[in-house]
């Protein structure tokens, strides 16, 4: 029997959540995720990052599988008047040992539903070219807008391309 995935919006981060989120970030970075950090990442650096996340315009969700933190995603609402119709999906991460349980899809659906509730009609995101996340985003209706070569450095030192995706919430 498959364990239930529970998605929770975090409006603040307590000490236990800070530790869990920091360890999640360490694990996904160590596994090679391209989410703005390179290994080796210290627990202190990860905690410092998470302490800065809860701010106006950023909505954070955590996914729990069997009562343990398994993933997270952020929806960053554009706050400028000329951009109030859009938001960015950021830092989608699922623990390497918890993948293939529908966690990423459920996190993305939570972000999408909230974007609609916030009257955001355009969602954007980027991900490293060739990563499995590309297939997820395409399956969720995101369209490729293009690629930027040599965008982000990988753990191996290579400069990897990123793919820019968008989705209109009216679709």
N, C-alpha and C. Protein backbone atom coordinates (compact mmCIF):
# COMPACT_ATOMS: atom_id res chain seq x y z
N UNK A 1 0.84 -1.19 0.00
CA UNK A 1 0.00 0.00 0.00
C UNK A 1 0.88 1.24 0.00
N UNK A 2 0.59 2.15 -0.90
CA UNK A 2 1.39 3.37 -1.03
C UNK A 2 1.01 4.37 0.06
N UNK A 3 2.03 5.02 0.64
CA UNK A 3 1.79 6.02 1.68
C UNK A 3 1.16 7.27 1.07
N UNK A 4 0.41 7.98 1.88
CA UNK A 4 -0.27 9.19 1.45
C UNK A 4 0.68 10.37 1.45
N UNK A 5 0.59 11.17 0.41
CA UNK A 5 1.35 12.42 0.32
C UNK A 5 0.46 13.54 0.83
N UNK A 6 0.98 14.31 1.77
CA UNK A 6 0.25 15.45 2.33
C UNK A 6 0.99 16.72 1.98
N UNK A 7 0.28 17.69 1.42
CA UNK A 7 0.88 18.98 1.05
C UNK A 7 0.41 20.03 2.06
N UNK A 8 1.37 20.77 2.62
CA UNK A 8 1.07 21.76 3.65
C UNK A 8 1.72 23.09 3.25
N UNK A 9 0.93 24.17 3.31
CA UNK A 9 1.51 25.50 3.09
C UNK A 9 2.18 25.94 4.39
N UNK A 10 3.42 26.40 4.28
CA UNK A 10 4.16 26.88 5.45
C UNK A 10 4.17 28.40 5.44
N UNK A 11 3.54 29.00 6.43
CA UNK A 11 3.53 30.47 6.54
C UNK A 11 4.63 30.96 7.47
N UNK A 12 5.22 30.05 8.21
CA UNK A 12 6.42 30.30 9.00
C UNK A 12 7.15 28.97 9.09
N UNK A 13 8.41 29.03 9.47
CA UNK A 13 9.23 27.82 9.56
C UNK A 13 9.71 27.68 11.00
N UNK A 14 9.25 26.62 11.68
CA UNK A 14 9.72 26.38 13.04
C UNK A 14 11.08 25.67 13.01
N UNK A 15 11.66 25.45 14.15
CA UNK A 15 13.02 24.88 14.21
C UNK A 15 13.10 23.49 13.58
N UNK A 16 12.09 22.64 13.84
CA UNK A 16 12.10 21.30 13.26
C UNK A 16 11.97 21.37 11.74
N UNK A 17 11.07 22.22 11.26
CA UNK A 17 10.91 22.39 9.81
C UNK A 17 12.18 22.96 9.19
N UNK A 18 12.82 23.89 9.89
CA UNK A 18 14.07 24.47 9.39
C UNK A 18 15.12 23.38 9.22
N UNK A 19 15.24 22.52 10.21
CA UNK A 19 16.20 21.42 10.12
C UNK A 19 15.83 20.46 8.99
N UNK A 20 14.55 20.10 8.90
CA UNK A 20 14.11 19.18 7.85
C UNK A 20 14.31 19.77 6.45
N UNK A 21 13.93 21.03 6.27
CA UNK A 21 14.10 21.68 4.97
C UNK A 21 15.57 21.82 4.61
N UNK A 22 16.40 22.13 5.59
CA UNK A 22 17.84 22.28 5.34
C UNK A 22 18.44 20.96 4.91
N UNK A 23 18.05 19.88 5.56
CA UNK A 23 18.57 18.56 5.20
C UNK A 23 18.04 18.12 3.83
N UNK A 24 16.80 18.47 3.52
CA UNK A 24 16.26 18.19 2.19
C UNK A 24 17.10 18.90 1.13
N UNK A 25 17.38 20.17 1.35
CA UNK A 25 18.18 20.94 0.40
C UNK A 25 19.57 20.32 0.24
N UNK A 26 20.20 19.94 1.35
CA UNK A 26 21.51 19.28 1.28
C UNK A 26 21.44 18.02 0.44
N UNK A 27 20.42 17.20 0.66
CA UNK A 27 20.31 15.93 -0.05
C UNK A 27 20.08 16.11 -1.55
N UNK A 28 19.22 17.06 -1.93
CA UNK A 28 18.96 17.23 -3.36
C UNK A 28 20.15 17.87 -4.07
N UNK A 29 20.85 18.77 -3.38
CA UNK A 29 22.06 19.38 -3.98
C UNK A 29 23.14 18.31 -4.13
N UNK A 30 23.31 17.50 -3.11
CA UNK A 30 24.31 16.42 -3.17
C UNK A 30 23.98 15.44 -4.29
N UNK A 31 22.69 15.28 -4.59
CA UNK A 31 22.25 14.38 -5.65
C UNK A 31 22.38 15.01 -7.04
N UNK A 32 22.78 16.29 -7.10
CA UNK A 32 23.03 16.92 -8.39
C UNK A 32 21.97 17.89 -8.88
N UNK A 33 20.97 18.19 -8.06
CA UNK A 33 19.93 19.12 -8.50
C UNK A 33 20.51 20.50 -8.80
N UNK A 34 19.98 21.12 -9.84
CA UNK A 34 20.40 22.47 -10.22
C UNK A 34 19.37 23.45 -9.69
N UNK A 35 19.55 23.85 -8.42
CA UNK A 35 18.58 24.75 -7.79
C UNK A 35 19.28 25.92 -7.11
N UNK A 36 20.40 26.33 -7.67
CA UNK A 36 21.08 27.53 -7.18
C UNK A 36 22.19 27.29 -6.18
N UNK A 37 22.48 26.04 -5.87
CA UNK A 37 23.53 25.71 -4.92
C UNK A 37 24.43 24.63 -5.51
N UNK A 38 25.67 24.61 -5.06
CA UNK A 38 26.62 23.57 -5.47
C UNK A 38 27.12 22.83 -4.24
N UNK A 39 27.42 21.53 -4.39
CA UNK A 39 28.02 20.82 -3.27
C UNK A 39 29.50 21.20 -3.15
N UNK A 40 30.08 21.13 -2.00
CA UNK A 40 29.41 20.76 -0.74
C UNK A 40 28.67 21.97 -0.17
N UNK A 41 27.47 21.73 0.29
CA UNK A 41 26.63 22.75 0.90
C UNK A 41 26.57 22.46 2.39
N UNK A 42 26.83 23.46 3.21
CA UNK A 42 26.80 23.25 4.66
C UNK A 42 25.37 23.36 5.18
N UNK A 43 25.13 22.74 6.31
CA UNK A 43 23.83 22.82 6.96
C UNK A 43 23.52 24.27 7.32
N UNK A 44 24.53 25.02 7.73
CA UNK A 44 24.34 26.42 8.09
C UNK A 44 23.92 27.25 6.88
N UNK A 45 24.57 27.00 5.73
CA UNK A 45 24.21 27.73 4.51
C UNK A 45 22.78 27.40 4.08
N UNK A 46 22.42 26.13 4.19
CA UNK A 46 21.06 25.72 3.83
C UNK A 46 20.05 26.36 4.77
N UNK A 47 20.33 26.37 6.06
CA UNK A 47 19.42 26.99 7.03
C UNK A 47 19.28 28.48 6.78
N UNK A 48 20.38 29.13 6.46
CA UNK A 48 20.35 30.56 6.16
C UNK A 48 19.44 30.83 4.96
N UNK A 49 19.53 29.98 3.95
CA UNK A 49 18.65 30.13 2.79
C UNK A 49 17.18 30.04 3.21
N UNK A 50 16.82 28.98 3.94
CA UNK A 50 15.42 28.78 4.31
C UNK A 50 14.89 29.90 5.19
N UNK A 51 15.74 30.47 6.03
CA UNK A 51 15.30 31.58 6.89
C UNK A 51 14.90 32.80 6.05
N UNK A 52 15.43 32.90 4.84
CA UNK A 52 15.15 34.06 3.99
C UNK A 52 13.94 33.85 3.08
N UNK A 53 13.37 32.65 3.06
CA UNK A 53 12.33 32.33 2.08
C UNK A 53 10.98 32.95 2.41
N UNK A 54 10.56 32.89 3.66
CA UNK A 54 9.23 33.39 4.03
C UNK A 54 9.26 34.91 4.02
N UNK A 55 8.68 35.46 2.98
CA UNK A 55 8.61 36.91 2.82
C UNK A 55 7.39 37.22 1.97
N UNK A 56 6.94 38.47 1.99
CA UNK A 56 5.78 38.81 1.17
C UNK A 56 6.01 38.44 -0.30
N UNK A 57 5.02 37.81 -0.88
CA UNK A 57 5.10 37.44 -2.28
C UNK A 57 5.64 36.05 -2.54
N UNK A 58 6.13 35.36 -1.51
CA UNK A 58 6.63 34.00 -1.67
C UNK A 58 5.77 33.06 -0.85
N UNK A 59 5.24 32.04 -1.50
CA UNK A 59 4.40 31.04 -0.85
C UNK A 59 5.16 29.72 -0.92
N UNK A 60 5.29 29.06 0.23
CA UNK A 60 6.08 27.84 0.36
C UNK A 60 5.19 26.68 0.76
N UNK A 61 5.35 25.55 0.07
CA UNK A 61 4.67 24.32 0.45
C UNK A 61 5.69 23.26 0.78
N UNK A 62 5.30 22.39 1.70
CA UNK A 62 6.09 21.22 2.05
C UNK A 62 5.23 19.99 1.76
N UNK A 63 5.88 18.94 1.27
CA UNK A 63 5.19 17.68 1.02
C UNK A 63 5.71 16.66 2.03
N UNK A 64 4.78 15.94 2.63
CA UNK A 64 5.13 14.92 3.61
C UNK A 64 4.68 13.56 3.10
N UNK A 65 5.54 12.58 3.24
CA UNK A 65 5.24 11.21 2.87
C UNK A 65 5.52 10.36 4.10
N UNK A 66 4.49 9.71 4.60
CA UNK A 66 4.66 8.92 5.81
C UNK A 66 5.10 9.76 7.00
N UNK A 67 4.66 11.01 7.04
CA UNK A 67 4.99 11.90 8.15
C UNK A 67 6.36 12.54 8.06
N UNK A 68 7.12 12.23 7.03
CA UNK A 68 8.46 12.81 6.87
C UNK A 68 8.48 13.78 5.70
N UNK A 69 9.24 14.87 5.86
CA UNK A 69 9.38 15.83 4.78
C UNK A 69 9.97 15.14 3.56
N UNK A 70 9.30 15.30 2.42
CA UNK A 70 9.74 14.63 1.20
C UNK A 70 10.02 15.60 0.07
N UNK A 71 9.51 16.84 0.17
CA UNK A 71 9.72 17.79 -0.91
C UNK A 71 9.17 19.15 -0.58
N UNK A 72 9.43 20.10 -1.48
CA UNK A 72 8.90 21.45 -1.32
C UNK A 72 8.90 22.18 -2.66
N UNK A 73 8.13 23.25 -2.70
CA UNK A 73 8.10 24.13 -3.87
C UNK A 73 7.69 25.52 -3.40
N UNK A 74 8.05 26.51 -4.20
CA UNK A 74 7.69 27.89 -3.90
C UNK A 74 6.97 28.50 -5.10
N UNK A 75 6.03 29.38 -4.78
CA UNK A 75 5.38 30.21 -5.78
C UNK A 75 5.76 31.64 -5.44
N UNK A 76 6.46 32.29 -6.37
CA UNK A 76 6.91 33.66 -6.14
C UNK A 76 6.03 34.59 -6.98
N UNK A 77 5.18 35.33 -6.28
CA UNK A 77 4.25 36.24 -6.95
C UNK A 77 4.99 37.49 -7.38
N UNK A 78 4.88 37.84 -8.65
CA UNK A 78 5.47 39.10 -9.11
C UNK A 78 4.71 40.23 -8.43
N UNK A 79 5.43 41.17 -7.84
CA UNK A 79 4.81 42.20 -7.02
C UNK A 79 4.69 43.55 -7.73
N UNK A 80 5.34 43.72 -8.86
CA UNK A 80 5.26 44.98 -9.59
C UNK A 80 3.91 45.09 -10.29
N UNK A 81 3.41 46.31 -10.40
CA UNK A 81 2.08 46.52 -10.98
C UNK A 81 1.97 45.97 -12.40
N UNK A 82 3.02 46.12 -13.18
CA UNK A 82 2.94 45.66 -14.57
C UNK A 82 3.15 44.15 -14.70
N UNK A 83 3.39 43.48 -13.58
CA UNK A 83 3.62 42.03 -13.60
C UNK A 83 2.68 41.28 -12.67
N UNK A 84 1.67 41.96 -12.17
CA UNK A 84 0.78 41.37 -11.16
C UNK A 84 -0.04 40.20 -11.69
N UNK A 85 0.08 39.91 -12.97
CA UNK A 85 -0.65 38.79 -13.57
C UNK A 85 0.19 37.51 -13.60
N UNK A 86 1.43 37.57 -13.13
CA UNK A 86 2.29 36.39 -13.27
C UNK A 86 2.95 35.99 -11.96
N UNK A 87 3.46 34.76 -11.97
CA UNK A 87 4.19 34.22 -10.83
C UNK A 87 5.22 33.24 -11.35
N UNK A 88 6.21 32.96 -10.51
CA UNK A 88 7.26 32.02 -10.89
C UNK A 88 7.25 30.83 -9.94
N UNK A 89 7.37 29.65 -10.52
CA UNK A 89 7.56 28.43 -9.75
C UNK A 89 9.05 28.32 -9.47
N UNK A 90 9.41 28.10 -8.20
CA UNK A 90 10.83 28.06 -7.84
C UNK A 90 11.13 26.92 -6.88
N UNK A 91 12.33 26.41 -7.00
CA UNK A 91 12.90 25.45 -6.06
C UNK A 91 12.02 24.23 -5.80
N UNK A 92 11.47 23.67 -6.87
CA UNK A 92 10.77 22.39 -6.72
C UNK A 92 11.82 21.34 -6.40
N UNK A 93 11.67 20.67 -5.27
CA UNK A 93 12.63 19.63 -4.90
C UNK A 93 11.91 18.49 -4.20
N UNK A 94 12.34 17.28 -4.54
CA UNK A 94 11.85 16.07 -3.90
C UNK A 94 13.07 15.26 -3.49
N UNK A 95 13.03 14.75 -2.26
CA UNK A 95 14.16 13.97 -1.76
C UNK A 95 14.45 12.82 -2.72
N UNK A 96 15.73 12.56 -3.02
CA UNK A 96 16.08 11.52 -3.98
C UNK A 96 15.46 10.15 -3.68
N UNK A 97 15.30 9.80 -2.42
CA UNK A 97 14.74 8.49 -2.06
C UNK A 97 13.22 8.47 -2.00
N UNK A 98 12.60 9.61 -2.26
CA UNK A 98 11.14 9.69 -2.18
C UNK A 98 10.51 9.97 -3.55
N UNK A 99 11.31 9.95 -4.59
CA UNK A 99 10.80 10.26 -5.93
C UNK A 99 9.94 9.12 -6.47
N UNK A 100 9.17 9.42 -7.49
CA UNK A 100 8.28 8.47 -8.16
C UNK A 100 7.09 8.09 -7.29
N UNK A 101 6.67 9.04 -6.43
CA UNK A 101 5.49 8.86 -5.60
C UNK A 101 4.43 9.92 -5.89
N UNK A 102 4.61 10.70 -6.95
CA UNK A 102 3.65 11.75 -7.30
C UNK A 102 3.81 13.03 -6.49
N UNK A 103 4.90 13.14 -5.75
CA UNK A 103 5.10 14.29 -4.87
C UNK A 103 5.28 15.58 -5.67
N UNK A 104 6.13 15.56 -6.66
CA UNK A 104 6.39 16.78 -7.45
C UNK A 104 5.11 17.25 -8.13
N UNK A 105 4.35 16.34 -8.67
CA UNK A 105 3.09 16.70 -9.34
C UNK A 105 2.11 17.33 -8.35
N UNK A 106 2.02 16.78 -7.15
CA UNK A 106 1.10 17.34 -6.14
C UNK A 106 1.57 18.71 -5.69
N UNK A 107 2.87 18.89 -5.53
CA UNK A 107 3.39 20.22 -5.18
C UNK A 107 3.09 21.22 -6.29
N UNK A 108 3.31 20.83 -7.53
CA UNK A 108 3.04 21.72 -8.66
C UNK A 108 1.55 22.06 -8.74
N UNK A 109 0.69 21.09 -8.48
CA UNK A 109 -0.76 21.35 -8.50
C UNK A 109 -1.16 22.34 -7.41
N UNK A 110 -0.54 22.22 -6.24
CA UNK A 110 -0.83 23.17 -5.15
C UNK A 110 -0.43 24.58 -5.57
N UNK A 111 0.74 24.71 -6.18
CA UNK A 111 1.21 26.02 -6.62
C UNK A 111 0.31 26.58 -7.72
N UNK A 112 -0.09 25.72 -8.65
CA UNK A 112 -0.97 26.15 -9.74
C UNK A 112 -2.32 26.62 -9.20
N UNK A 113 -2.89 25.86 -8.28
CA UNK A 113 -4.19 26.24 -7.71
C UNK A 113 -4.09 27.57 -6.97
N UNK A 114 -3.00 27.77 -6.25
CA UNK A 114 -2.83 29.03 -5.52
C UNK A 114 -2.64 30.19 -6.50
N UNK A 115 -1.91 29.94 -7.58
CA UNK A 115 -1.73 30.99 -8.59
C UNK A 115 -3.08 31.45 -9.13
N UNK A 116 -3.95 30.51 -9.38
CA UNK A 116 -5.30 30.86 -9.86
C UNK A 116 -6.03 31.67 -8.79
N UNK A 117 -5.94 31.23 -7.54
CA UNK A 117 -6.60 31.95 -6.44
C UNK A 117 -6.06 33.37 -6.30
N UNK A 118 -4.78 33.55 -6.63
CA UNK A 118 -4.14 34.87 -6.57
C UNK A 118 -4.33 35.66 -7.86
N UNK A 119 -5.14 35.11 -8.77
CA UNK A 119 -5.44 35.74 -10.07
C UNK A 119 -4.20 35.93 -10.94
N UNK A 120 -3.32 34.95 -10.88
CA UNK A 120 -2.13 34.95 -11.73
C UNK A 120 -2.46 34.13 -12.96
N UNK A 121 -2.33 34.72 -14.12
CA UNK A 121 -2.71 34.04 -15.36
C UNK A 121 -1.52 33.49 -16.13
N UNK A 122 -0.31 33.77 -15.65
CA UNK A 122 0.89 33.28 -16.32
C UNK A 122 1.87 32.77 -15.27
N UNK A 123 2.30 31.53 -15.45
CA UNK A 123 3.32 30.94 -14.59
C UNK A 123 4.57 30.70 -15.43
N UNK A 124 5.72 30.97 -14.86
CA UNK A 124 6.99 30.73 -15.53
C UNK A 124 7.90 29.94 -14.60
N UNK A 125 8.85 29.25 -15.20
CA UNK A 125 9.86 28.51 -14.43
C UNK A 125 11.01 28.20 -15.35
N UNK A 126 12.13 27.82 -14.75
CA UNK A 126 13.24 27.33 -15.56
C UNK A 126 13.83 26.11 -14.90
N UNK A 127 14.43 25.26 -15.71
CA UNK A 127 15.06 24.04 -15.22
C UNK A 127 16.20 23.67 -16.14
N UNK A 128 17.14 22.92 -15.62
CA UNK A 128 18.30 22.53 -16.41
C UNK A 128 17.88 21.64 -17.58
N UNK A 129 18.39 21.94 -18.75
CA UNK A 129 18.12 21.13 -19.94
C UNK A 129 18.55 19.69 -19.68
N UNK A 130 17.70 18.76 -20.05
CA UNK A 130 18.02 17.35 -19.92
C UNK A 130 17.61 16.71 -18.60
N UNK A 131 17.25 17.50 -17.60
CA UNK A 131 16.82 16.93 -16.32
C UNK A 131 15.44 16.28 -16.46
N UNK A 132 15.15 15.27 -15.65
CA UNK A 132 13.83 14.62 -15.70
C UNK A 132 12.68 15.58 -15.44
N UNK A 133 12.94 16.67 -14.74
CA UNK A 133 11.88 17.64 -14.45
C UNK A 133 11.26 18.21 -15.72
N UNK A 134 12.01 18.24 -16.82
CA UNK A 134 11.45 18.73 -18.08
C UNK A 134 10.21 17.94 -18.47
N UNK A 135 10.27 16.62 -18.31
CA UNK A 135 9.12 15.78 -18.66
C UNK A 135 7.93 16.06 -17.76
N UNK A 136 8.18 16.29 -16.48
CA UNK A 136 7.10 16.64 -15.55
C UNK A 136 6.43 17.93 -15.99
N UNK A 137 7.21 18.96 -16.23
CA UNK A 137 6.64 20.26 -16.59
C UNK A 137 5.84 20.17 -17.88
N UNK A 138 6.37 19.46 -18.86
CA UNK A 138 5.64 19.30 -20.12
C UNK A 138 4.32 18.55 -19.90
N UNK A 139 4.35 17.53 -19.03
CA UNK A 139 3.12 16.76 -18.77
C UNK A 139 2.07 17.59 -18.03
N UNK A 140 2.51 18.66 -17.37
CA UNK A 140 1.59 19.55 -16.66
C UNK A 140 1.11 20.71 -17.53
N UNK A 141 1.47 20.70 -18.81
CA UNK A 141 1.00 21.72 -19.73
C UNK A 141 1.91 22.91 -19.92
N UNK A 142 3.12 22.85 -19.37
CA UNK A 142 4.06 23.95 -19.57
C UNK A 142 4.64 23.86 -20.98
N UNK A 143 4.82 25.02 -21.59
CA UNK A 143 5.37 25.09 -22.94
C UNK A 143 6.77 25.68 -22.88
N UNK A 144 7.65 25.14 -23.69
CA UNK A 144 9.02 25.65 -23.74
C UNK A 144 9.05 26.97 -24.49
N UNK A 145 9.60 27.99 -23.84
CA UNK A 145 9.76 29.30 -24.48
C UNK A 145 11.11 29.40 -25.15
N UNK A 146 12.08 28.62 -24.68
CA UNK A 146 13.41 28.65 -25.26
C UNK A 146 14.44 28.18 -24.26
N UNK A 147 15.69 28.19 -24.72
CA UNK A 147 16.80 27.77 -23.87
C UNK A 147 17.86 28.86 -23.82
N UNK A 148 18.54 28.91 -22.70
CA UNK A 148 19.68 29.80 -22.54
C UNK A 148 20.91 28.92 -22.33
N UNK A 149 21.87 28.98 -23.24
CA UNK A 149 23.06 28.13 -23.09
C UNK A 149 23.95 28.63 -21.95
N UNK A 150 24.72 27.72 -21.41
CA UNK A 150 25.75 28.05 -20.41
C UNK A 150 25.18 28.91 -19.27
N UNK A 151 24.03 28.53 -18.76
CA UNK A 151 23.30 29.36 -17.80
C UNK A 151 23.75 29.14 -16.35
N UNK A 152 23.94 27.89 -15.96
CA UNK A 152 24.27 27.60 -14.56
C UNK A 152 25.38 26.56 -14.48
N UNK A 153 26.25 26.75 -13.51
CA UNK A 153 27.36 25.82 -13.30
C UNK A 153 26.86 24.59 -12.55
N UNK A 154 27.30 23.43 -13.00
CA UNK A 154 26.95 22.18 -12.33
C UNK A 154 28.05 21.80 -11.34
N UNK A 155 27.79 20.76 -10.56
CA UNK A 155 28.77 20.29 -9.58
C UNK A 155 30.07 19.86 -10.25
N UNK A 156 29.99 19.42 -11.50
CA UNK A 156 31.19 18.99 -12.23
C UNK A 156 31.98 20.16 -12.81
N UNK A 157 31.42 21.36 -12.71
CA UNK A 157 32.09 22.54 -13.25
C UNK A 157 31.62 22.94 -14.63
N UNK A 158 30.82 22.08 -15.26
CA UNK A 158 30.28 22.39 -16.59
C UNK A 158 29.24 23.51 -16.48
N UNK A 159 29.10 24.27 -17.57
CA UNK A 159 28.03 25.27 -17.65
C UNK A 159 26.89 24.66 -18.46
N UNK A 160 25.75 24.49 -17.81
CA UNK A 160 24.60 23.82 -18.42
C UNK A 160 23.58 24.83 -18.91
N UNK A 161 22.85 24.43 -19.95
CA UNK A 161 21.75 25.24 -20.47
C UNK A 161 20.55 25.13 -19.54
N UNK A 162 19.73 26.16 -19.55
CA UNK A 162 18.45 26.10 -18.84
C UNK A 162 17.32 26.25 -19.85
N UNK A 163 16.20 25.63 -19.54
CA UNK A 163 15.01 25.71 -20.37
C UNK A 163 14.00 26.59 -19.64
N UNK A 164 13.47 27.58 -20.35
CA UNK A 164 12.44 28.46 -19.80
C UNK A 164 11.08 27.91 -20.23
N UNK A 165 10.20 27.71 -19.25
CA UNK A 165 8.85 27.23 -19.52
C UNK A 165 7.82 28.25 -19.05
N UNK A 166 6.64 28.20 -19.66
CA UNK A 166 5.52 29.02 -19.21
C UNK A 166 4.23 28.22 -19.32
N UNK A 167 3.27 28.64 -18.55
CA UNK A 167 1.93 28.06 -18.64
C UNK A 167 0.92 29.14 -18.30
N UNK A 168 -0.08 29.25 -19.15
CA UNK A 168 -1.18 30.17 -18.86
C UNK A 168 -2.21 29.42 -18.03
N UNK A 169 -2.61 30.02 -16.92
CA UNK A 169 -3.51 29.32 -16.00
C UNK A 169 -4.92 29.19 -16.54
N UNK A 170 -5.23 29.93 -17.58
CA UNK A 170 -6.56 29.82 -18.19
C UNK A 170 -6.70 28.57 -19.04
N UNK A 171 -5.58 27.87 -19.27
CA UNK A 171 -5.62 26.68 -20.13
C UNK A 171 -6.11 25.46 -19.37
